[in-house]
Amino acid sequence: MNAFRTVRIPLLLGLGLACAVPALAQSAHRLGPQRINGYWILINHNVAVDVPNGGRNMNKPGCASVSYTIGSDGVPRDIKVEKVVPAGDFGQIAASAVANFRYGPSLTNRASEPVSTYYIVPFNSPDQGEGQQQLMAPCRLPGYDEG
């Protein structure tokens, strides 16, 4: 009876590890927007977006950050509006844009590994440059590898 007990415990531990390995393999790297091109390349730069006819603070400059995971098929999933500055209705527009993104794997991501990232959508801002960067700064999310 003791021999059975000694074999059963390692067997159960082995089964537990075997079940945990696929779950660990599916966890995505967490990357900031600056590093995403090392894994995935945005294929469509013009996306259709659902824009409401009106809403709070829609005429003010602002930004919205949306977190999501790029799946192994290049499609965003687990889309979540994380931050909207100033508070208003930009979030649903930003989430709609991200939902329509499509990605292709980069040359260094031939295995199409999923990654978690975020995207900042500027609203009513200068086209580029320092003004846009200042507008988007409050929407940066901590906890993503920016290095």
C-alpha atoms as a PDB file:
ATOM      1  CA  MET A   1       0.000   0.000   0.000  1.00  0.00           C
ATOM      2  CA  ASN A   2       2.888   2.386   0.694  1.00  0.00           C
ATOM      3  CA  ALA A   3       4.356   1.628  -2.743  1.00  0.00           C
ATOM      4  CA  PHE A   4       1.081   2.678  -4.356  1.00  0.00           C
ATOM      5  CA  ARG A   5       1.045   5.937  -2.410  1.00  0.00           C
ATOM      6  CA  THR A   6       4.637   6.820  -3.423  1.00  0.00           C
ATOM      7  CA  VAL A   7       3.893   6.218  -7.090  1.00  0.00           C
ATOM      8  CA  ARG A   8       0.572   8.036  -6.999  1.00  0.00           C
ATOM      9  CA  ILE A   9       1.985  11.325  -5.669  1.00  0.00           C
ATOM     10  CA  PRO A  10       4.665  11.716  -8.397  1.00  0.00           C
ATOM     11  CA  LEU A  11       2.106  10.617 -10.975  1.00  0.00           C
ATOM     12  CA  LEU A  12      -0.364  13.274  -9.813  1.00  0.00           C
ATOM     13  CA  LEU A  13       2.389  15.907  -9.770  1.00  0.00           C
ATOM     14  CA  GLY A  14       3.403  14.883 -13.292  1.00  0.00           C
ATOM     15  CA  LEU A  15      -0.185  15.132 -14.513  1.00  0.00           C
ATOM     16  CA  GLY A  16      -0.531  18.533 -12.853  1.00  0.00           C
ATOM     17  CA  LEU A  17       2.599  19.811 -14.579  1.00  0.00           C
ATOM     18  CA  ALA A  18       1.497  18.372 -17.920  1.00  0.00           C
ATOM     19  CA  CYS A  19      -1.770  20.288 -17.650  1.00  0.00           C
ATOM     20  CA  ALA A  20      -0.032  23.512 -16.563  1.00  0.00           C
ATOM     21  CA  VAL A  21       2.515  23.609 -19.404  1.00  0.00           C
ATOM     22  CA  PRO A  22      -0.035  24.332 -22.184  1.00  0.00           C
ATOM     23  CA  ALA A  23      -1.563  27.086 -20.040  1.00  0.00           C
ATOM     24  CA  LEU A  24       1.871  28.657 -19.570  1.00  0.00           C
ATOM     25  CA  ALA A  25       2.615  28.356 -23.278  1.00  0.00           C
ATOM     26  CA  GLN A  26      -0.536  30.303 -24.114  1.00  0.00           C
ATOM     27  CA  SER A  27       0.323  33.293 -21.925  1.00  0.00           C
ATOM     28  CA  ALA A  28       1.258  36.266 -24.052  1.00  0.00           C
ATOM     29  CA  HIS A  29       4.294  38.521 -23.733  1.00  0.00           C
ATOM     30  CA  ARG A  30       3.383  41.979 -22.462  1.00  0.00           C
ATOM     31  CA  LEU A  31       4.861  44.580 -24.789  1.00  0.00           C
ATOM     32  CA  GLY A  32       4.481  48.318 -25.054  1.00  0.00           C
ATOM     33  CA  PRO A  33       3.417  49.857 -28.363  1.00  0.00           C
ATOM     34  CA  GLN A  34       7.032  50.792 -29.203  1.00  0.00           C
ATOM     35  CA  ARG A  35       8.109  47.105 -29.266  1.00  0.00           C
ATOM     36  CA  ILE A  36       5.166  45.452 -30.979  1.00  0.00           C
ATOM     37  CA  ASN A  37       6.803  45.466 -34.440  1.00  0.00           C
ATOM     38  CA  GLY A  38       9.303  42.899 -33.192  1.00  0.00           C
ATOM     39  CA  TYR A  39       6.416  40.400 -33.060  1.00  0.00           C
ATOM     40  CA  TRP A  40       3.538  41.664 -35.183  1.00  0.00           C
ATOM     41  CA  ILE A  41       3.137  44.089 -38.092  1.00  0.00           C
ATOM     42  CA  LEU A  42      -0.105  46.043 -38.486  1.00  0.00           C
ATOM     43  CA  ILE A  43      -1.444  45.129 -41.934  1.00  0.00           C
ATOM     44  CA  ASN A  44      -4.381  47.520 -42.267  1.00  0.00           C
ATOM     45  CA  HIS A  45      -3.580  51.148 -41.508  1.00  0.00           C
ATOM     46  CA  ASN A  46      -7.051  52.444 -42.361  1.00  0.00           C
ATOM     47  CA  VAL A  47      -9.859  50.898 -40.339  1.00  0.00           C
ATOM     48  CA  ALA A  48     -13.596  51.439 -40.161  1.00  0.00           C
ATOM     49  CA  VAL A  49     -14.675  52.865 -36.813  1.00  0.00           C
ATOM     50  CA  ASP A  50     -18.047  53.136 -35.105  1.00  0.00           C
ATOM     51  CA  VAL A  51     -18.490  56.819 -34.197  1.00  0.00           C
ATOM     52  CA  PRO A  52     -21.548  57.981 -32.257  1.00  0.00           C
ATOM     53  CA  ASN A  53     -23.448  61.081 -33.400  1.00  0.00           C
ATOM     54  CA  GLY A  54     -22.625  62.818 -30.133  1.00  0.00           C
ATOM     55  CA  GLY A  55     -21.084  62.277 -26.733  1.00  0.00           C
ATOM     56  CA  ARG A  56     -19.258  63.763 -23.757  1.00  0.00           C
ATOM     57  CA  ASN A  57     -16.106  65.782 -24.499  1.00  0.00           C
ATOM     58  CA  MET A  58     -16.102  64.706 -28.147  1.00  0.00           C
ATOM     59  CA  ASN A  59     -14.991  68.152 -29.315  1.00  0.00           C
ATOM     60  CA  LYS A  60     -12.012  68.397 -26.931  1.00  0.00           C
ATOM     61  CA  PRO A  61      -8.456  67.152 -27.538  1.00  0.00           C
ATOM     62  CA  GLY A  62      -7.869  63.865 -25.744  1.00  0.00           C
ATOM     63  CA  CYS A  63      -6.803  60.252 -25.916  1.00  0.00           C
ATOM     64  CA  ALA A  64      -7.968  56.763 -25.091  1.00  0.00           C
ATOM     65  CA  SER A  65      -5.793  53.739 -24.346  1.00  0.00           C
ATOM     66  CA  VAL A  66      -7.043  50.280 -25.222  1.00  0.00           C
ATOM     67  CA  SER A  67      -5.362  47.061 -24.084  1.00  0.00           C
ATOM     68  CA  TYR A  68      -5.688  43.862 -26.105  1.00  0.00           C
ATOM     69  CA  THR A  69      -4.024  40.606 -27.034  1.00  0.00           C
ATOM     70  CA  ILE A  70      -2.952  39.871 -30.583  1.00  0.00           C
ATOM     71  CA  GLY A  71      -3.880  36.213 -31.059  1.00  0.00           C
ATOM     72  CA  SER A  72      -1.871  33.715 -33.076  1.00  0.00           C
ATOM     73  CA  ASP A  73      -4.179  34.515 -36.017  1.00  0.00           C
ATOM     74  CA  GLY A  74      -3.280  38.236 -35.903  1.00  0.00           C
ATOM     75  CA  VAL A  75      -6.713  39.296 -34.662  1.00  0.00           C
ATOM     76  CA  PRO A  76      -7.088  41.474 -31.520  1.00  0.00           C
ATOM     77  CA  ARG A  77      -9.009  39.903 -28.643  1.00  0.00           C
ATOM     78  CA  ASP A  78      -9.676  40.687 -24.985  1.00  0.00           C
ATOM     79  CA  ILE A  79     -10.134  44.339 -25.974  1.00  0.00           C
ATOM     80  CA  LYS A  80     -10.520  46.639 -22.984  1.00  0.00           C
ATOM     81  CA  VAL A  81     -10.682  50.430 -22.703  1.00  0.00           C
ATOM     82  CA  GLU A  82      -8.180  51.228 -19.953  1.00  0.00           C
ATOM     83  CA  LYS A  83      -8.011  55.016 -19.803  1.00  0.00           C
ATOM     84  CA  VAL A  84      -9.790  57.993 -21.383  1.00  0.00           C
ATOM     85  CA  VAL A  85      -8.481  61.566 -20.937  1.00  0.00           C
ATOM     86  CA  PRO A  86     -10.489  63.737 -20.483  1.00  0.00           C
ATOM     87  CA  ALA A  87     -13.299  61.532 -19.216  1.00  0.00           C
ATOM     88  CA  GLY A  88     -15.787  61.126 -22.029  1.00  0.00           C
ATOM     89  CA  ASP A  89     -16.969  58.897 -24.821  1.00  0.00           C
ATOM     90  CA  PHE A  90     -13.737  58.412 -26.783  1.00  0.00           C
ATOM     91  CA  GLY A  91     -13.343  54.890 -25.358  1.00  0.00           C
ATOM     92  CA  GLN A  92     -15.928  53.138 -27.516  1.00  0.00           C
ATOM     93  CA  ILE A  93     -14.459  54.732 -30.658  1.00  0.00           C
ATOM     94  CA  ALA A  94     -10.934  53.637 -29.722  1.00  0.00           C
ATOM     95  CA  ALA A  95     -12.100  50.076 -28.938  1.00  0.00           C
ATOM     96  CA  SER A  96     -13.905  49.944 -32.286  1.00  0.00           C
ATOM     97  CA  ALA A  97     -10.700  50.929 -34.105  1.00  0.00           C
ATOM     98  CA  VAL A  98      -8.589  48.318 -32.294  1.00  0.00           C
ATOM     99  CA  ALA A  99     -11.183  45.592 -32.946  1.00  0.00           C
ATOM    100  CA  ASN A 100     -10.678  46.157 -36.679  1.00  0.00           C
ATOM    101  CA  PHE A 101      -6.856  45.971 -36.614  1.00  0.00           C
ATOM    102  CA  ARG A 102      -5.281  42.986 -38.369  1.00  0.00           C
ATOM    103  CA  TYR A 103      -1.683  41.873 -37.890  1.00  0.00           C
ATOM    104  CA  GLY A 104       0.804  39.652 -39.654  1.00  0.00           C
ATOM    105  CA  PRO A 105       3.710  37.998 -37.815  1.00  0.00           C
ATOM    106  CA  SER A 106       7.120  39.663 -38.101  1.00  0.00           C
ATOM    107  CA  LEU A 107      10.107  37.706 -39.392  1.00  0.00           C
ATOM    108  CA  THR A 108      11.228  37.138 -35.791  1.00  0.00           C
ATOM    109  CA  ASN A 109       7.797  35.772 -34.787  1.00  0.00           C
ATOM    110  CA  ARG A 110       7.423  32.891 -37.230  1.00  0.00           C
ATOM    111  CA  ALA A 111       5.596  30.873 -34.568  1.00  0.00           C
ATOM    112  CA  SER A 112       2.923  33.622 -34.401  1.00  0.00           C
ATOM    113  CA  GLU A 113       3.236  33.978 -30.631  1.00  0.00           C
ATOM    114  CA  PRO A 114       0.397  35.994 -29.084  1.00  0.00           C
ATOM    115  CA  VAL A 115       1.338  39.235 -27.330  1.00  0.00           C
ATOM    116  CA  SER A 116      -0.512  41.602 -25.026  1.00  0.00           C
ATOM    117  CA  THR A 117      -0.134  45.285 -25.767  1.00  0.00           C
ATOM    118  CA  TYR A 118      -2.042  48.524 -25.858  1.00  0.00           C
ATOM    119  CA  TYR A 119      -2.746  51.285 -28.335  1.00  0.00           C
ATOM    120  CA  ILE A 120      -3.319  54.971 -27.677  1.00  0.00           C
ATOM    121  CA  VAL A 121      -5.808  56.689 -29.956  1.00  0.00           C
ATOM    122  CA  PRO A 122      -5.448  60.493 -30.055  1.00  0.00           C
ATOM    123  CA  PHE A 123      -8.546  62.610 -30.699  1.00  0.00           C
ATOM    124  CA  ASN A 124      -8.701  66.181 -32.010  1.00  0.00           C
ATOM    125  CA  SER A 125      -4.920  66.450 -31.798  1.00  0.00           C
ATOM    126  CA  PRO A 126      -2.105  67.789 -33.952  1.00  0.00           C
ATOM    127  CA  ASP A 127      -1.218  65.294 -36.706  1.00  0.00           C
ATOM    128  CA  GLN A 128       2.210  64.377 -35.344  1.00  0.00           C
ATOM    129  CA  GLY A 129       5.130  65.629 -33.337  1.00  0.00           C
ATOM    130  CA  GLU A 130       5.558  66.932 -29.840  1.00  0.00           C
ATOM    131  CA  GLY A 131       2.017  68.279 -29.525  1.00  0.00           C
ATOM    132  CA  GLN A 132       0.533  64.859 -30.200  1.00  0.00           C
ATOM    133  CA  GLN A 133       3.009  63.152 -27.857  1.00  0.00           C
ATOM    134  CA  GLN A 134       2.047  65.528 -25.025  1.00  0.00           C
ATOM    135  CA  LEU A 135      -1.630  64.887 -25.665  1.00  0.00           C
ATOM    136  CA  MET A 136      -1.113  61.101 -25.587  1.00  0.00           C
ATOM    137  CA  ALA A 137       1.196  61.019 -22.524  1.00  0.00           C
ATOM    138  CA  PRO A 138      -1.618  60.765 -19.914  1.00  0.00           C
ATOM    139  CA  CYS A 139      -2.922  57.635 -21.663  1.00  0.00           C
ATOM    140  CA  ARG A 140       0.300  55.608 -21.356  1.00  0.00           C
ATOM    141  CA  LEU A 141      -0.202  52.414 -19.382  1.00  0.00           C
ATOM    142  CA  PRO A 142       2.284  51.156 -16.781  1.00  0.00           C
ATOM    143  CA  GLY A 143       3.378  47.540 -16.636  1.00  0.00           C
ATOM    144  CA  TYR A 144       4.268  47.029 -20.274  1.00  0.00           C
ATOM    145  CA  ASP A 145       7.841  46.356 -21.328  1.00  0.00           C
ATOM    146  CA  GLU A 146       8.927  49.578 -23.002  1.00  0.00           C
ATOM    147  CA  GLY A 147      12.687  48.824 -22.964  1.00  0.00           C
END
